[in-house]
PDB file of N, CA and C in Angstrom:
ATOM      1  N   MET A   1       0.861  -1.329  -0.109  1.00  0.00           N
ATOM      2  CA  MET A   1      -0.024   0.076  -0.064  1.00  0.00           C
ATOM      3  C   MET A   1       1.200   1.266   0.086  1.00  0.00           C
ATOM      4  N   ALA A   2       0.307   2.450  -0.350  1.00  0.00           N
ATOM      5  CA  ALA A   2       1.167   3.526  -0.580  1.00  0.00           C
ATOM      6  C   ALA A   2       1.341   3.822   0.878  1.00  0.00           C
ATOM      7  N   ALA A   3       2.158   5.307   0.978  1.00  0.00           N
ATOM      8  CA  ALA A   3       2.442   5.993   2.235  1.00  0.00           C
ATOM      9  C   ALA A   3       2.287   7.229   2.134  1.00  0.00           C
ATOM     10  N   VAL A   4       1.985   7.973   3.307  1.00  0.00           N
ATOM     11  CA  VAL A   4       1.414   9.519   3.226  1.00  0.00           C
ATOM     12  C   VAL A   4       2.287  10.067   4.490  1.00  0.00           C
ATOM     13  N   PHE A   5       2.431  11.679   4.262  1.00  0.00           N
ATOM     14  CA  PHE A   5       3.264  11.797   5.385  1.00  0.00           C
ATOM     15  C   PHE A   5       2.418  13.333   5.552  1.00  0.00           C
ATOM     16  N   ILE A   6       2.060  13.493   6.983  1.00  0.00           N
ATOM     17  CA  ILE A   6       1.139  14.125   7.687  1.00  0.00           C
ATOM     18  C   ILE A   6       2.185  15.172   8.484  1.00  0.00           C
ATOM     19  N   THR A   7       1.980  16.261   8.276  1.00  0.00           N
ATOM     20  CA  THR A   7       2.736  17.249   9.259  1.00  0.00           C
ATOM     21  C   THR A   7       1.449  17.720  10.123  1.00  0.00           C
ATOM     22  N   GLY A   8       1.618  18.100  11.435  1.00  0.00           N
ATOM     23  CA  GLY A   8       0.815  18.241  12.389  1.00  0.00           C
ATOM     24  C   GLY A   8      -0.379  17.485  12.594  1.00  0.00           C
ATOM     25  N   GLY A   9      -0.006  16.103  12.642  1.00  0.00           N
ATOM     26  CA  GLY A   9      -1.076  15.201  12.506  1.00  0.00           C
ATOM     27  C   GLY A   9      -1.471  14.528  13.913  1.00  0.00           C
ATOM     28  N   ALA A  10      -1.088  15.523  14.965  1.00  0.00           N
ATOM     29  CA  ALA A  10      -1.587  14.887  16.297  1.00  0.00           C
ATOM     30  C   ALA A  10      -3.191  15.116  16.353  1.00  0.00           C
ATOM     31  N   THR A  11      -3.502  16.194  16.162  1.00  0.00           N
ATOM     32  CA  THR A  11      -4.821  16.931  16.755  1.00  0.00           C
ATOM     33  C   THR A  11      -5.715  17.312  15.475  1.00  0.00           C
ATOM     34  N   GLY A  12      -6.964  17.610  15.458  1.00  0.00           N
ATOM     35  CA  GLY A  12      -7.381  18.453  14.700  1.00  0.00           C
ATOM     36  C   GLY A  12      -7.687  17.524  13.265  1.00  0.00           C
ATOM     37  N   ILE A  13      -7.637  18.498  12.159  1.00  0.00           N
ATOM     38  CA  ILE A  13      -7.843  18.256  10.937  1.00  0.00           C
ATOM     39  C   ILE A  13      -6.581  17.136  10.666  1.00  0.00           C
ATOM     40  N   GLY A  14      -5.219  17.614  11.118  1.00  0.00           N
ATOM     41  CA  GLY A  14      -4.304  16.516  10.764  1.00  0.00           C
ATOM     42  C   GLY A  14      -4.676  15.247  11.427  1.00  0.00           C
ATOM     43  N   ALA A  15      -5.237  14.802  12.588  1.00  0.00           N
ATOM     44  CA  ALA A  15      -5.613  13.581  13.163  1.00  0.00           C
ATOM     45  C   ALA A  15      -6.736  12.866  12.585  1.00  0.00           C
ATOM     46  N   ALA A  16      -7.487  13.763  12.002  1.00  0.00           N
ATOM     47  CA  ALA A  16      -8.669  13.115  11.279  1.00  0.00           C
ATOM     48  C   ALA A  16      -8.278  12.640   9.940  1.00  0.00           C
ATOM     49  N   SER A  17      -7.302  13.220   9.343  1.00  0.00           N
ATOM     50  CA  SER A  17      -6.503  12.727   7.964  1.00  0.00           C
ATOM     51  C   SER A  17      -5.628  11.400   8.358  1.00  0.00           C
ATOM     52  N   VAL A  18      -5.280  11.587   9.343  1.00  0.00           N
ATOM     53  CA  VAL A  18      -4.248  10.286   9.848  1.00  0.00           C
ATOM     54  C   VAL A  18      -5.111   8.994  10.020  1.00  0.00           C
ATOM     55  N   ARG A  19      -6.297   9.150  10.810  1.00  0.00           N
ATOM     56  CA  ARG A  19      -7.072   8.152  10.967  1.00  0.00           C
ATOM     57  C   ARG A  19      -7.797   7.708   9.487  1.00  0.00           C
ATOM     58  N   LYS A  20      -8.242   8.751   8.820  1.00  0.00           N
ATOM     59  CA  LYS A  20      -8.977   8.054   7.582  1.00  0.00           C
ATOM     60  C   LYS A  20      -7.701   7.600   6.664  1.00  0.00           C
ATOM     61  N   PHE A  21      -6.613   7.682   6.366  1.00  0.00           N
ATOM     62  CA  PHE A  21      -5.689   7.164   5.765  1.00  0.00           C
ATOM     63  C   PHE A  21      -5.116   5.899   6.223  1.00  0.00           C
ATOM     64  N   ALA A  22      -4.924   5.834   7.563  1.00  0.00           N
ATOM     65  CA  ALA A  22      -4.693   4.551   8.168  1.00  0.00           C
ATOM     66  C   ALA A  22      -5.675   3.589   8.082  1.00  0.00           C
ATOM     67  N   ALA A  23      -6.675   4.179   8.382  1.00  0.00           N
ATOM     68  CA  ALA A  23      -7.985   3.208   8.362  1.00  0.00           C
ATOM     69  C   ALA A  23      -8.508   2.647   6.885  1.00  0.00           C
ATOM     70  N   ASN A  24      -8.047   3.157   5.861  1.00  0.00           N
ATOM     71  CA  ASN A  24      -7.691   2.723   4.235  1.00  0.00           C
ATOM     72  C   ASN A  24      -6.567   2.020   3.914  1.00  0.00           C
ATOM     73  N   GLY A  25      -5.598   1.616   5.031  1.00  0.00           N
ATOM     74  CA  GLY A  25      -4.640   0.751   4.608  1.00  0.00           C
ATOM     75  C   GLY A  25      -3.019   1.600   4.409  1.00  0.00           C
ATOM     76  N   PHE A  26      -3.097   2.912   4.340  1.00  0.00           N
ATOM     77  CA  PHE A  26      -2.138   3.399   4.092  1.00  0.00           C
ATOM     78  C   PHE A  26      -1.109   3.404   5.312  1.00  0.00           C
ATOM     79  N   ASP A  27       0.197   3.622   5.102  1.00  0.00           N
ATOM     80  CA  ASP A  27       1.180   3.620   6.271  1.00  0.00           C
ATOM     81  C   ASP A  27       1.514   5.090   6.312  1.00  0.00           C
ATOM     82  N   VAL A  28       1.504   5.653   7.361  1.00  0.00           N
ATOM     83  CA  VAL A  28       1.263   7.105   7.654  1.00  0.00           C
ATOM     84  C   VAL A  28       2.355   7.557   8.404  1.00  0.00           C
ATOM     85  N   ALA A  29       3.148   8.520   8.003  1.00  0.00           N
ATOM     86  CA  ALA A  29       4.167   9.062   8.957  1.00  0.00           C
ATOM     87  C   ALA A  29       3.836  10.404   9.378  1.00  0.00           C
ATOM     88  N   VAL A  30       3.764  10.787  10.807  1.00  0.00           N
ATOM     89  CA  VAL A  30       3.137  11.507  11.221  1.00  0.00           C
ATOM     90  C   VAL A  30       4.247  12.376  11.993  1.00  0.00           C
ATOM     91  N   PHE A  31       4.407  13.727  11.298  1.00  0.00           N
ATOM     92  CA  PHE A  31       5.194  14.667  11.941  1.00  0.00           C
ATOM     93  C   PHE A  31       4.736  15.694  12.923  1.00  0.00           C
ATOM     94  N   ASP A  32       5.238  15.776  14.212  1.00  0.00           N
ATOM     95  CA  ASP A  32       4.496  16.639  15.428  1.00  0.00           C
ATOM     96  C   ASP A  32       5.169  16.628  16.424  1.00  0.00           C
ATOM     97  N   ILE A  33       4.892  17.294  17.288  1.00  0.00           N
ATOM     98  CA  ILE A  33       5.460  17.413  18.708  1.00  0.00           C
ATOM     99  C   ILE A  33       4.742  16.784  19.849  1.00  0.00           C
ATOM    100  N   ASN A  34       3.616  16.041  19.402  1.00  0.00           N
ATOM    101  CA  ASN A  34       2.652  15.468  20.445  1.00  0.00           C
ATOM    102  C   ASN A  34       2.766  14.147  20.358  1.00  0.00           C
ATOM    103  N   ALA A  35       4.051  13.524  21.232  1.00  0.00           N
ATOM    104  CA  ALA A  35       4.226  12.087  21.207  1.00  0.00           C
ATOM    105  C   ALA A  35       3.126  11.238  21.351  1.00  0.00           C
ATOM    106  N   GLN A  36       2.363  11.833  22.595  1.00  0.00           N
ATOM    107  CA  GLN A  36       1.361  11.032  23.419  1.00  0.00           C
ATOM    108  C   GLN A  36      -0.075  10.963  22.511  1.00  0.00           C
ATOM    109  N   ALA A  37      -0.078  12.156  21.927  1.00  0.00           N
ATOM    110  CA  ALA A  37      -1.682  12.173  21.062  1.00  0.00           C
ATOM    111  C   ALA A  37      -1.296  11.013  19.892  1.00  0.00           C
ATOM    112  N   VAL A  38      -0.120  11.010  19.064  1.00  0.00           N
ATOM    113  CA  VAL A  38       0.157  10.281  18.092  1.00  0.00           C
ATOM    114  C   VAL A  38       0.221   8.858  18.527  1.00  0.00           C
ATOM    115  N   ALA A  39       0.594   8.753  19.625  1.00  0.00           N
ATOM    116  CA  ALA A  39       0.615   7.068  20.275  1.00  0.00           C
ATOM    117  C   ALA A  39      -0.823   6.820  20.478  1.00  0.00           C
ATOM    118  N   ASP A  40      -1.930   7.596  20.744  1.00  0.00           N
ATOM    119  CA  ASP A  40      -3.222   7.616  21.089  1.00  0.00           C
ATOM    120  C   ASP A  40      -3.797   6.930  19.875  1.00  0.00           C
ATOM    121  N   LEU A  41      -3.329   7.678  18.899  1.00  0.00           N
ATOM    122  CA  LEU A  41      -3.946   7.610  17.434  1.00  0.00           C
ATOM    123  C   LEU A  41      -3.754   6.109  17.034  1.00  0.00           C
ATOM    124  N   ALA A  42      -2.154   5.715  17.056  1.00  0.00           N
ATOM    125  CA  ALA A  42      -1.715   4.465  16.778  1.00  0.00           C
ATOM    126  C   ALA A  42      -2.476   3.324  17.567  1.00  0.00           C
ATOM    127  N   GLN A  43      -2.931   3.542  18.768  1.00  0.00           N
ATOM    128  CA  GLN A  43      -3.912   2.470  19.487  1.00  0.00           C
ATOM    129  C   GLN A  43      -4.891   2.261  19.122  1.00  0.00           C
ATOM    130  N   GLU A  44      -5.548   3.036  18.241  1.00  0.00           N
ATOM    131  CA  GLU A  44      -6.856   3.026  17.810  1.00  0.00           C
ATOM    132  C   GLU A  44      -7.092   1.733  16.877  1.00  0.00           C
ATOM    133  N   GLY A  45      -6.135   0.946  16.540  1.00  0.00           N
ATOM    134  CA  GLY A  45      -6.188  -0.107  15.669  1.00  0.00           C
ATOM    135  C   GLY A  45      -6.685   0.065  14.258  1.00  0.00           C
ATOM    136  N   HIS A  46      -5.901   0.489  13.322  1.00  0.00           N
ATOM    137  CA  HIS A  46      -5.833   0.605  12.033  1.00  0.00           C
ATOM    138  C   HIS A  46      -5.336  -0.575  10.987  1.00  0.00           C
ATOM    139  N   SER A  47      -6.006  -0.532   9.991  1.00  0.00           N
ATOM    140  CA  SER A  47      -5.344  -1.616   9.035  1.00  0.00           C
ATOM    141  C   SER A  47      -4.107  -0.996   8.392  1.00  0.00           C
ATOM    142  N   GLY A  48      -3.653   0.223   8.392  1.00  0.00           N
ATOM    143  CA  GLY A  48      -2.408   0.682   7.911  1.00  0.00           C
ATOM    144  C   GLY A  48      -1.434   1.218   9.115  1.00  0.00           C
ATOM    145  N   SER A  49      -0.337   1.437   8.946  1.00  0.00           N
ATOM    146  CA  SER A  49       0.641   1.588  10.038  1.00  0.00           C
ATOM    147  C   SER A  49       0.758   3.267  10.256  1.00  0.00           C
ATOM    148  N   ILE A  50       1.258   3.773  11.774  1.00  0.00           N
ATOM    149  CA  ILE A  50       1.260   4.919  12.046  1.00  0.00           C
ATOM    150  C   ILE A  50       2.593   5.142  12.655  1.00  0.00           C
ATOM    151  N   THR A  51       3.647   5.805  11.873  1.00  0.00           N
ATOM    152  CA  THR A  51       4.868   6.087  12.580  1.00  0.00           C
ATOM    153  C   THR A  51       5.150   7.463  12.969  1.00  0.00           C
ATOM    154  N   TYR A  52       5.648   7.814  14.147  1.00  0.00           N
ATOM    155  CA  TYR A  52       5.701   9.088  14.515  1.00  0.00           C
ATOM    156  C   TYR A  52       6.986   9.519  14.680  1.00  0.00           C
ATOM    157  N   PHE A  53       7.264  10.740  14.107  1.00  0.00           N
ATOM    158  CA  PHE A  53       8.576  11.712  14.042  1.00  0.00           C
ATOM    159  C   PHE A  53       8.234  12.794  14.867  1.00  0.00           C
ATOM    160  N   ASP A  54       9.086  13.109  15.642  1.00  0.00           N
ATOM    161  CA  ASP A  54       9.192  14.006  16.783  1.00  0.00           C
ATOM    162  C   ASP A  54       9.759  15.374  16.148  1.00  0.00           C
ATOM    163  N   THR A  55       9.064  16.116  15.691  1.00  0.00           N
ATOM    164  CA  THR A  55       9.424  17.405  14.818  1.00  0.00           C
ATOM    165  C   THR A  55       8.463  18.406  15.082  1.00  0.00           C
ATOM    166  N   ASP A  56       8.859  19.642  15.282  1.00  0.00           N
ATOM    167  CA  ASP A  56       8.320  20.809  15.263  1.00  0.00           C
ATOM    168  C   ASP A  56       8.269  21.441  14.107  1.00  0.00           C
ATOM    169  N   VAL A  57       7.162  21.290  13.045  1.00  0.00           N
ATOM    170  CA  VAL A  57       7.007  21.838  11.744  1.00  0.00           C
ATOM    171  C   VAL A  57       7.222  23.135  11.455  1.00  0.00           C
ATOM    172  N   GLY A  58       7.055  23.788  12.969  1.00  0.00           N
ATOM    173  CA  GLY A  58       7.126  25.299  12.803  1.00  0.00           C
ATOM    174  C   GLY A  58       8.586  26.001  12.606  1.00  0.00           C
ATOM    175  N   GLN A  59       9.621  25.027  12.855  1.00  0.00           N
ATOM    176  CA  GLN A  59      11.078  25.366  12.645  1.00  0.00           C
ATOM    177  C   GLN A  59      11.663  25.258  11.189  1.00  0.00           C
ATOM    178  N   ARG A  60      12.470  26.018  10.719  1.00  0.00           N
ATOM    179  CA  ARG A  60      12.558  25.680   9.306  1.00  0.00           C
ATOM    180  C   ARG A  60      13.459  24.573   9.124  1.00  0.00           C
ATOM    181  N   SER A  61      14.282  24.238  10.332  1.00  0.00           N
ATOM    182  CA  SER A  61      15.254  23.117  10.391  1.00  0.00           C
ATOM    183  C   SER A  61      14.582  21.803  10.497  1.00  0.00           C
ATOM    184  N   ALA A  62      13.421  21.459  10.628  1.00  0.00           N
ATOM    185  CA  ALA A  62      12.426  20.374  11.004  1.00  0.00           C
ATOM    186  C   ALA A  62      12.682  19.331   9.542  1.00  0.00           C
ATOM    187  N   PRO A  63      13.023  19.616   8.183  1.00  0.00           N
ATOM    188  CA  PRO A  63      12.903  18.749   7.305  1.00  0.00           C
ATOM    189  C   PRO A  63      14.419  17.960   7.470  1.00  0.00           C
ATOM    190  N   VAL A  64      15.335  19.164   7.653  1.00  0.00           N
ATOM    191  CA  VAL A  64      16.819  18.418   7.980  1.00  0.00           C
ATOM    192  C   VAL A  64      16.899  17.642   9.075  1.00  0.00           C
ATOM    193  N   ASP A  65      16.278  18.055  10.174  1.00  0.00           N
ATOM    194  CA  ASP A  65      16.347  17.295  11.413  1.00  0.00           C
ATOM    195  C   ASP A  65      15.826  15.757  11.069  1.00  0.00           C
ATOM    196  N   CYS A  66      15.068  15.809  10.217  1.00  0.00           N
ATOM    197  CA  CYS A  66      14.024  14.574   9.965  1.00  0.00           C
ATOM    198  C   CYS A  66      14.848  13.697   8.852  1.00  0.00           C
ATOM    199  N   GLY A  67      16.090  13.938   8.427  1.00  0.00           N
ATOM    200  CA  GLY A  67      16.971  13.323   7.549  1.00  0.00           C
ATOM    201  C   GLY A  67      16.425  13.743   6.063  1.00  0.00           C
ATOM    202  N   GLY A  68      15.567  14.828   5.970  1.00  0.00           N
ATOM    203  CA  GLY A  68      15.490  15.271   4.540  1.00  0.00           C
ATOM    204  C   GLY A  68      16.534  16.240   3.759  1.00  0.00           C
ATOM    205  N   GLY A  69      17.493  16.285   4.266  1.00  0.00           N
ATOM    206  CA  GLY A  69      18.231  17.506   3.808  1.00  0.00           C
ATOM    207  C   GLY A  69      19.555  17.668   4.059  1.00  0.00           C
TER     208      GLY A  69
END
């Protein structure tokens, strides 16, 4: 199955997106600063996987810190 990357995916619209993609079998990479909220999402039991990356997407260095540059 395909993979998606969601920034700010711990709460609100981001979390709803994580749930929708994971429920449809996508492997979801979540970039956020709220580890507990993402862990709670992962425990909901989806057919896709949810992987957390501790990232403050408000910082310009965030993509580099996650290995993207």
